[in-house]
Amino acid sequence: MSNVVLYEIPPSPNNIKVRIALNYKKIPYERSAINPVDRADLVKLSGQPLTPVLKHGDTVMFDSSAILRYIEANFRQGPSIFSTESNEIRMIEDFEHHGRGRLLRPIAMTFGEFFAGEKNVDTLHAASKMMHEETERLEKTLAGKKYLVGEKLTIADIVSVPAVYYAMVSEKEVGDHPIKQFFHANLHLGEGRENVRAWVDRVMALDSEG
């Protein structure tokens, strides 16, 4: 039995980030799905209701950014997801800020329409337009490169990819998953994002939603 447990709501982009990091570093872990309607046990465990929450032995961590840094600092085996170079650290943090902010905004807008029950077409069109605009920088950065910073996967990629993924969910992936069905139908990455698409596929191969 692993002494690492990830408490998650699997479709959430923030949960995807942590799964990618754990899998990339080959850290054994258990998964515990949280009922979005009843989060009392999660509050009891972590003092707050949001996922992901990581339990490592007696240590409990919440907030995906904090968890990613905890993983890097406490599981030194396997590849690093950070950097020891100051210029790369600044770049990672810059992309991370973008990934947690403007890049996540169209995802939040689309989730909002999904949960509203009656979608606003103008809001969904605006979300797709914003996603296309916010990925222009990524497309240029990834020209001739596999990752955003340096020659390997870092937190910059881990934070940014899950948001973009939801703008390019394929028909094959949809199945009977209502959230993926909604995103496939309503949020679009747009044309001219070949580098971004290849990058998302590369990084999402490390996920294990199951």
C-alpha atoms as a PDB file:
ATOM      1  CA  MET A   1       0.000   0.000   0.000  1.00  0.00           C
ATOM      2  CA  SER A   2       1.357   3.411  -0.983  1.00  0.00           C
ATOM      3  CA  ASN A   3       1.762   6.103   1.671  1.00  0.00           C
ATOM      4  CA  VAL A   4       0.712   8.716  -0.920  1.00  0.00           C
ATOM      5  CA  VAL A   5      -2.998   9.290  -1.514  1.00  0.00           C
ATOM      6  CA  LEU A   6      -4.475  11.759  -4.009  1.00  0.00           C
ATOM      7  CA  TYR A   7      -7.975  12.949  -3.177  1.00  0.00           C
ATOM      8  CA  GLU A   8      -9.480  14.186  -6.413  1.00  0.00           C
ATOM      9  CA  ILE A   9     -12.422  15.003  -8.612  1.00  0.00           C
ATOM     10  CA  PRO A  10     -10.906  13.329 -11.694  1.00  0.00           C
ATOM     11  CA  PRO A  11     -12.087  15.658 -14.517  1.00  0.00           C
ATOM     12  CA  SER A  12     -10.730  18.803 -12.836  1.00  0.00           C
ATOM     13  CA  PRO A  13      -7.690  20.335 -14.597  1.00  0.00           C
ATOM     14  CA  ASN A  14      -6.033  20.964 -11.224  1.00  0.00           C
ATOM     15  CA  ASN A  15      -6.252  17.264 -10.407  1.00  0.00           C
ATOM     16  CA  ILE A  16      -4.807  16.341 -13.800  1.00  0.00           C
ATOM     17  CA  LYS A  17      -1.722  18.442 -13.005  1.00  0.00           C
ATOM     18  CA  VAL A  18      -0.894  16.409  -9.914  1.00  0.00           C
ATOM     19  CA  ARG A  19      -1.479  13.061 -11.630  1.00  0.00           C
ATOM     20  CA  ILE A  20       0.903  14.052 -14.424  1.00  0.00           C
ATOM     21  CA  ALA A  21       3.609  15.027 -11.931  1.00  0.00           C
ATOM     22  CA  LEU A  22       3.241  11.853  -9.867  1.00  0.00           C
ATOM     23  CA  ASN A  23       3.284   9.650 -12.951  1.00  0.00           C
ATOM     24  CA  TYR A  24       6.222  11.482 -14.528  1.00  0.00           C
ATOM     25  CA  LYS A  25       8.285  11.017 -11.381  1.00  0.00           C
ATOM     26  CA  LYS A  26       7.020   7.418 -11.054  1.00  0.00           C
ATOM     27  CA  ILE A  27       5.734   7.951  -7.520  1.00  0.00           C
ATOM     28  CA  PRO A  28       3.324   5.175  -6.441  1.00  0.00           C
ATOM     29  CA  TYR A  29       0.048   6.592  -5.170  1.00  0.00           C
ATOM     30  CA  GLU A  30      -3.538   5.694  -4.440  1.00  0.00           C
ATOM     31  CA  ARG A  31      -6.503   7.638  -5.733  1.00  0.00           C
ATOM     32  CA  SER A  32      -9.608   8.554  -3.768  1.00  0.00           C
ATOM     33  CA  ALA A  33     -12.473  10.127  -5.714  1.00  0.00           C
ATOM     34  CA  ILE A  34     -14.368  12.874  -3.904  1.00  0.00           C
ATOM     35  CA  ASN A  35     -18.124  13.293  -4.266  1.00  0.00           C
ATOM     36  CA  PRO A  36     -18.559  16.886  -5.523  1.00  0.00           C
ATOM     37  CA  VAL A  37     -21.864  17.163  -3.666  1.00  0.00           C
ATOM     38  CA  ASP A  38     -20.599  16.019  -0.254  1.00  0.00           C
ATOM     39  CA  ARG A  39     -17.097  17.210   0.638  1.00  0.00           C
ATOM     40  CA  ALA A  40     -17.353  16.891   4.409  1.00  0.00           C
ATOM     41  CA  ASP A  41     -14.618  14.237   4.603  1.00  0.00           C
ATOM     42  CA  LEU A  42     -12.301  16.403   2.509  1.00  0.00           C
ATOM     43  CA  VAL A  43     -12.857  19.380   4.792  1.00  0.00           C
ATOM     44  CA  LYS A  44     -12.180  17.162   7.795  1.00  0.00           C
ATOM     45  CA  LEU A  45      -8.929  15.984   6.213  1.00  0.00           C
ATOM     46  CA  SER A  46      -7.557  19.273   4.852  1.00  0.00           C
ATOM     47  CA  GLY A  47      -9.582  22.107   6.396  1.00  0.00           C
ATOM     48  CA  GLN A  48     -10.986  23.211   3.030  1.00  0.00           C
ATOM     49  CA  PRO A  49     -13.303  21.748   0.327  1.00  0.00           C
ATOM     50  CA  LEU A  50     -11.265  21.928  -2.889  1.00  0.00           C
ATOM     51  CA  THR A  51      -9.309  19.239  -4.713  1.00  0.00           C
ATOM     52  CA  PRO A  52      -6.655  18.109  -5.259  1.00  0.00           C
ATOM     53  CA  VAL A  53      -5.495  17.150  -1.792  1.00  0.00           C
ATOM     54  CA  LEU A  54      -2.359  15.062  -1.337  1.00  0.00           C
ATOM     55  CA  LYS A  55      -1.758  13.001   1.799  1.00  0.00           C
ATOM     56  CA  HIS A  56       1.815  11.775   2.267  1.00  0.00           C
ATOM     57  CA  GLY A  57       2.100   9.854   5.499  1.00  0.00           C
ATOM     58  CA  ASP A  58       0.915  12.319   8.137  1.00  0.00           C
ATOM     59  CA  THR A  59       1.389  15.367   5.872  1.00  0.00           C
ATOM     60  CA  VAL A  60      -1.648  16.834   4.092  1.00  0.00           C
ATOM     61  CA  MET A  61      -1.270  19.349   1.257  1.00  0.00           C
ATOM     62  CA  PHE A  62      -3.845  21.233  -0.807  1.00  0.00           C
ATOM     63  CA  ASP A  63      -3.638  23.632  -3.790  1.00  0.00           C
ATOM     64  CA  SER A  64      -2.114  22.155  -6.941  1.00  0.00           C
ATOM     65  CA  SER A  65       0.809  24.614  -7.084  1.00  0.00           C
ATOM     66  CA  ALA A  66       1.763  23.876  -3.485  1.00  0.00           C
ATOM     67  CA  ILE A  67       1.420  20.143  -4.112  1.00  0.00           C
ATOM     68  CA  LEU A  68       3.674  20.277  -7.184  1.00  0.00           C
ATOM     69  CA  ARG A  69       6.405  22.000  -5.201  1.00  0.00           C
ATOM     70  CA  TYR A  70       5.954  19.578  -2.320  1.00  0.00           C
ATOM     71  CA  ILE A  71       6.385  16.669  -4.733  1.00  0.00           C
ATOM     72  CA  GLU A  72       9.553  18.197  -6.158  1.00  0.00           C
ATOM     73  CA  ALA A  73      11.058  18.911  -2.736  1.00  0.00           C
ATOM     74  CA  ASN A  74      10.182  15.602  -1.089  1.00  0.00           C
ATOM     75  CA  PHE A  75      10.473  13.041  -3.902  1.00  0.00           C
ATOM     76  CA  ARG A  76      13.905  13.593  -5.352  1.00  0.00           C
ATOM     77  CA  GLN A  77      13.965  10.310  -7.232  1.00  0.00           C
ATOM     78  CA  GLY A  78      13.197  10.450 -10.904  1.00  0.00           C
ATOM     79  CA  PRO A  79      13.270  13.505 -13.177  1.00  0.00           C
ATOM     80  CA  SER A  80      12.945  17.009 -11.782  1.00  0.00           C
ATOM     81  CA  ILE A  81       9.899  19.112 -12.677  1.00  0.00           C
ATOM     82  CA  PHE A  82      11.549  22.371 -11.634  1.00  0.00           C
ATOM     83  CA  SER A  83      14.946  23.965 -12.358  1.00  0.00           C
ATOM     84  CA  THR A  84      18.102  25.082 -10.600  1.00  0.00           C
ATOM     85  CA  GLU A  85      18.729  27.899 -13.105  1.00  0.00           C
ATOM     86  CA  SER A  86      17.388  31.307 -12.070  1.00  0.00           C
ATOM     87  CA  ASN A  87      16.355  32.342 -15.590  1.00  0.00           C
ATOM     88  CA  GLU A  88      14.465  29.075 -16.085  1.00  0.00           C
ATOM     89  CA  ILE A  89      12.799  29.441 -12.690  1.00  0.00           C
ATOM     90  CA  ARG A  90      11.508  32.874 -13.743  1.00  0.00           C
ATOM     91  CA  MET A  91      10.219  31.452 -17.025  1.00  0.00           C
ATOM     92  CA  ILE A  92       8.523  28.533 -15.263  1.00  0.00           C
ATOM     93  CA  GLU A  93       6.807  30.868 -12.823  1.00  0.00           C
ATOM     94  CA  ASP A  94       5.721  33.175 -15.643  1.00  0.00           C
ATOM     95  CA  PHE A  95       4.093  30.325 -17.586  1.00  0.00           C
ATOM     96  CA  GLU A  96       2.613  28.996 -14.360  1.00  0.00           C
ATOM     97  CA  HIS A  97       1.007  32.368 -13.636  1.00  0.00           C
ATOM     98  CA  HIS A  98      -0.436  32.406 -17.156  1.00  0.00           C
ATOM     99  CA  GLY A  99      -1.652  28.802 -16.845  1.00  0.00           C
ATOM    100  CA  ARG A 100      -3.414  29.469 -13.554  1.00  0.00           C
ATOM    101  CA  GLY A 101      -4.867  32.754 -14.768  1.00  0.00           C
ATOM    102  CA  ARG A 102      -5.839  33.780 -18.273  1.00  0.00           C
ATOM    103  CA  LEU A 103      -5.348  30.318 -19.755  1.00  0.00           C
ATOM    104  CA  LEU A 104      -7.740  28.814 -17.213  1.00  0.00           C
ATOM    105  CA  ARG A 105     -10.359  31.537 -17.657  1.00  0.00           C
ATOM    106  CA  PRO A 106     -12.037  30.033 -20.781  1.00  0.00           C
ATOM    107  CA  ILE A 107     -12.168  26.668 -19.007  1.00  0.00           C
ATOM    108  CA  ALA A 108     -13.931  28.255 -16.035  1.00  0.00           C
ATOM    109  CA  MET A 109     -16.349  30.007 -18.388  1.00  0.00           C
ATOM    110  CA  THR A 110     -17.211  26.730 -20.135  1.00  0.00           C
ATOM    111  CA  PHE A 111     -17.592  24.823 -16.871  1.00  0.00           C
ATOM    112  CA  GLY A 112     -19.921  27.616 -15.752  1.00  0.00           C
ATOM    113  CA  GLU A 113     -22.156  27.113 -18.762  1.00  0.00           C
ATOM    114  CA  PHE A 114     -22.124  23.333 -18.269  1.00  0.00           C
ATOM    115  CA  PHE A 115     -23.347  23.628 -14.698  1.00  0.00           C
ATOM    116  CA  ALA A 116     -25.834  26.385 -15.565  1.00  0.00           C
ATOM    117  CA  GLY A 117     -27.907  23.868 -17.517  1.00  0.00           C
ATOM    118  CA  GLU A 118     -28.915  26.314 -20.260  1.00  0.00           C
ATOM    119  CA  LYS A 119     -25.851  27.410 -22.211  1.00  0.00           C
ATOM    120  CA  ASN A 120     -25.147  30.937 -23.372  1.00  0.00           C
ATOM    121  CA  VAL A 121     -23.803  30.663 -26.915  1.00  0.00           C
ATOM    122  CA  ASP A 122     -22.123  34.074 -26.789  1.00  0.00           C
ATOM    123  CA  THR A 123     -20.220  33.132 -23.632  1.00  0.00           C
ATOM    124  CA  LEU A 124     -19.031  29.882 -25.194  1.00  0.00           C
ATOM    125  CA  HIS A 125     -17.907  31.644 -28.366  1.00  0.00           C
ATOM    126  CA  ALA A 126     -16.017  34.156 -26.224  1.00  0.00           C
ATOM    127  CA  ALA A 127     -14.360  31.306 -24.339  1.00  0.00           C
ATOM    128  CA  SER A 128     -13.124  29.699 -27.567  1.00  0.00           C
ATOM    129  CA  LYS A 129     -11.847  33.039 -28.836  1.00  0.00           C
ATOM    130  CA  MET A 130      -9.979  33.639 -25.588  1.00  0.00           C
ATOM    131  CA  MET A 131      -8.433  30.163 -25.630  1.00  0.00           C
ATOM    132  CA  HIS A 132      -7.192  30.706 -29.189  1.00  0.00           C
ATOM    133  CA  GLU A 133      -5.689  34.071 -28.273  1.00  0.00           C
ATOM    134  CA  GLU A 134      -4.089  32.852 -25.051  1.00  0.00           C
ATOM    135  CA  THR A 135      -2.387  29.919 -26.813  1.00  0.00           C
ATOM    136  CA  GLU A 136      -0.693  32.081 -29.452  1.00  0.00           C
ATOM    137  CA  ARG A 137       2.306  32.627 -27.174  1.00  0.00           C
ATOM    138  CA  LEU A 138       2.489  28.896 -26.465  1.00  0.00           C
ATOM    139  CA  GLU A 139       2.412  28.062 -30.171  1.00  0.00           C
ATOM    140  CA  LYS A 140       5.352  30.381 -30.843  1.00  0.00           C
ATOM    141  CA  THR A 141       7.330  29.182 -27.819  1.00  0.00           C
ATOM    142  CA  LEU A 142       6.905  25.535 -28.843  1.00  0.00           C
ATOM    143  CA  ALA A 143       8.176  26.026 -32.390  1.00  0.00           C
ATOM    144  CA  GLY A 144      10.950  23.440 -32.728  1.00  0.00           C
ATOM    145  CA  LYS A 145      10.634  22.485 -29.044  1.00  0.00           C
ATOM    146  CA  LYS A 146       8.945  19.726 -27.055  1.00  0.00           C
ATOM    147  CA  TYR A 147       8.449  21.733 -23.862  1.00  0.00           C
ATOM    148  CA  LEU A 148       7.981  25.341 -22.784  1.00  0.00           C
ATOM    149  CA  VAL A 149      11.165  25.751 -20.718  1.00  0.00           C
ATOM    150  CA  GLY A 150      14.454  23.999 -21.419  1.00  0.00           C
ATOM    151  CA  GLU A 151      14.633  20.503 -22.860  1.00  0.00           C
ATOM    152  CA  LYS A 152      12.422  18.627 -20.396  1.00  0.00           C
ATOM    153  CA  LEU A 153       9.002  18.647 -18.818  1.00  0.00           C
ATOM    154  CA  THR A 154       8.590  21.206 -16.035  1.00  0.00           C
ATOM    155  CA  ILE A 155       5.838  22.673 -13.907  1.00  0.00           C
ATOM    156  CA  ALA A 156       5.320  25.183 -16.748  1.00  0.00           C
ATOM    157  CA  ASP A 157       3.981  22.388 -18.949  1.00  0.00           C
ATOM    158  CA  ILE A 158       2.178  20.549 -16.157  1.00  0.00           C
ATOM    159  CA  VAL A 159       0.184  23.640 -15.176  1.00  0.00           C
ATOM    160  CA  SER A 160      -0.652  24.784 -18.712  1.00  0.00           C
ATOM    161  CA  VAL A 161      -1.525  21.553 -20.517  1.00  0.00           C
ATOM    162  CA  PRO A 162      -4.685  20.464 -18.626  1.00  0.00           C
ATOM    163  CA  ALA A 163      -6.461  23.728 -19.445  1.00  0.00           C
ATOM    164  CA  VAL A 164      -5.623  23.535 -23.150  1.00  0.00           C
ATOM    165  CA  TYR A 165      -6.555  19.844 -23.236  1.00  0.00           C
ATOM    166  CA  TYR A 166     -10.189  20.692 -22.584  1.00  0.00           C
ATOM    167  CA  ALA A 167     -10.221  22.845 -25.721  1.00  0.00           C
ATOM    168  CA  MET A 168      -9.178  19.877 -27.895  1.00  0.00           C
ATOM    169  CA  VAL A 169     -11.017  16.881 -26.462  1.00  0.00           C
ATOM    170  CA  SER A 170     -11.448  14.517 -29.402  1.00  0.00           C
ATOM    171  CA  GLU A 171     -14.647  12.709 -30.349  1.00  0.00           C
ATOM    172  CA  LYS A 172     -12.871   9.426 -29.592  1.00  0.00           C
ATOM    173  CA  GLU A 173     -12.246  10.513 -25.979  1.00  0.00           C
ATOM    174  CA  VAL A 174     -15.769  11.710 -25.280  1.00  0.00           C
ATOM    175  CA  GLY A 175     -17.554   8.394 -24.729  1.00  0.00           C
ATOM    176  CA  ASP A 176     -20.438   8.820 -22.270  1.00  0.00           C
ATOM    177  CA  HIS A 177     -18.601  11.432 -20.187  1.00  0.00           C
ATOM    178  CA  PRO A 178     -21.001  14.451 -19.994  1.00  0.00           C
ATOM    179  CA  ILE A 179     -18.311  17.039 -19.212  1.00  0.00           C
ATOM    180  CA  LYS A 180     -16.100  15.920 -22.086  1.00  0.00           C
ATOM    181  CA  GLN A 181     -19.139  15.820 -24.373  1.00  0.00           C
ATOM    182  CA  PHE A 182     -19.914  19.429 -23.498  1.00  0.00           C
ATOM    183  CA  PHE A 183     -16.347  20.660 -23.973  1.00  0.00           C
ATOM    184  CA  HIS A 184     -15.950  18.765 -27.256  1.00  0.00           C
ATOM    185  CA  ALA A 185     -19.087  20.450 -28.582  1.00  0.00           C
ATOM    186  CA  ASN A 186     -18.524  23.953 -27.228  1.00  0.00           C
ATOM    187  CA  LEU A 187     -14.857  24.860 -26.600  1.00  0.00           C
ATOM    188  CA  HIS A 188     -12.444  24.934 -29.526  1.00  0.00           C
ATOM    189  CA  LEU A 189      -8.724  25.619 -29.773  1.00  0.00           C
ATOM    190  CA  GLY A 190      -8.935  26.857 -33.343  1.00  0.00           C
ATOM    191  CA  GLU A 191      -6.612  26.574 -36.319  1.00  0.00           C
ATOM    192  CA  GLY A 192      -2.891  27.230 -36.420  1.00  0.00           C
ATOM    193  CA  ARG A 193      -2.102  25.476 -33.151  1.00  0.00           C
ATOM    194  CA  GLU A 194      -0.241  22.404 -34.431  1.00  0.00           C
ATOM    195  CA  ASN A 195       2.669  22.812 -31.989  1.00  0.00           C
ATOM    196  CA  VAL A 196       0.271  23.227 -29.090  1.00  0.00           C
ATOM    197  CA  ARG A 197      -1.746  20.153 -30.061  1.00  0.00           C
ATOM    198  CA  ALA A 198       1.347  17.938 -30.286  1.00  0.00           C
ATOM    199  CA  TRP A 199       2.584  19.276 -26.936  1.00  0.00           C
ATOM    200  CA  VAL A 200      -0.737  18.625 -25.193  1.00  0.00           C
ATOM    201  CA  ASP A 201      -0.850  15.060 -26.536  1.00  0.00           C
ATOM    202  CA  ARG A 202       2.750  14.497 -25.391  1.00  0.00           C
ATOM    203  CA  VAL A 203       2.135  15.669 -21.833  1.00  0.00           C
ATOM    204  CA  MET A 204      -1.372  14.226 -21.417  1.00  0.00           C
ATOM    205  CA  ALA A 205       0.044  10.780 -22.230  1.00  0.00           C
ATOM    206  CA  LEU A 206       1.353  10.928 -18.646  1.00  0.00           C
ATOM    207  CA  ASP A 207      -2.138  11.219 -17.174  1.00  0.00           C
ATOM    208  CA  SER A 208      -4.021   8.243 -15.790  1.00  0.00           C
ATOM    209  CA  GLU A 209      -7.636   9.310 -15.368  1.00  0.00           C
ATOM    210  CA  GLY A 210      -8.780   5.756 -16.068  1.00  0.00           C
END
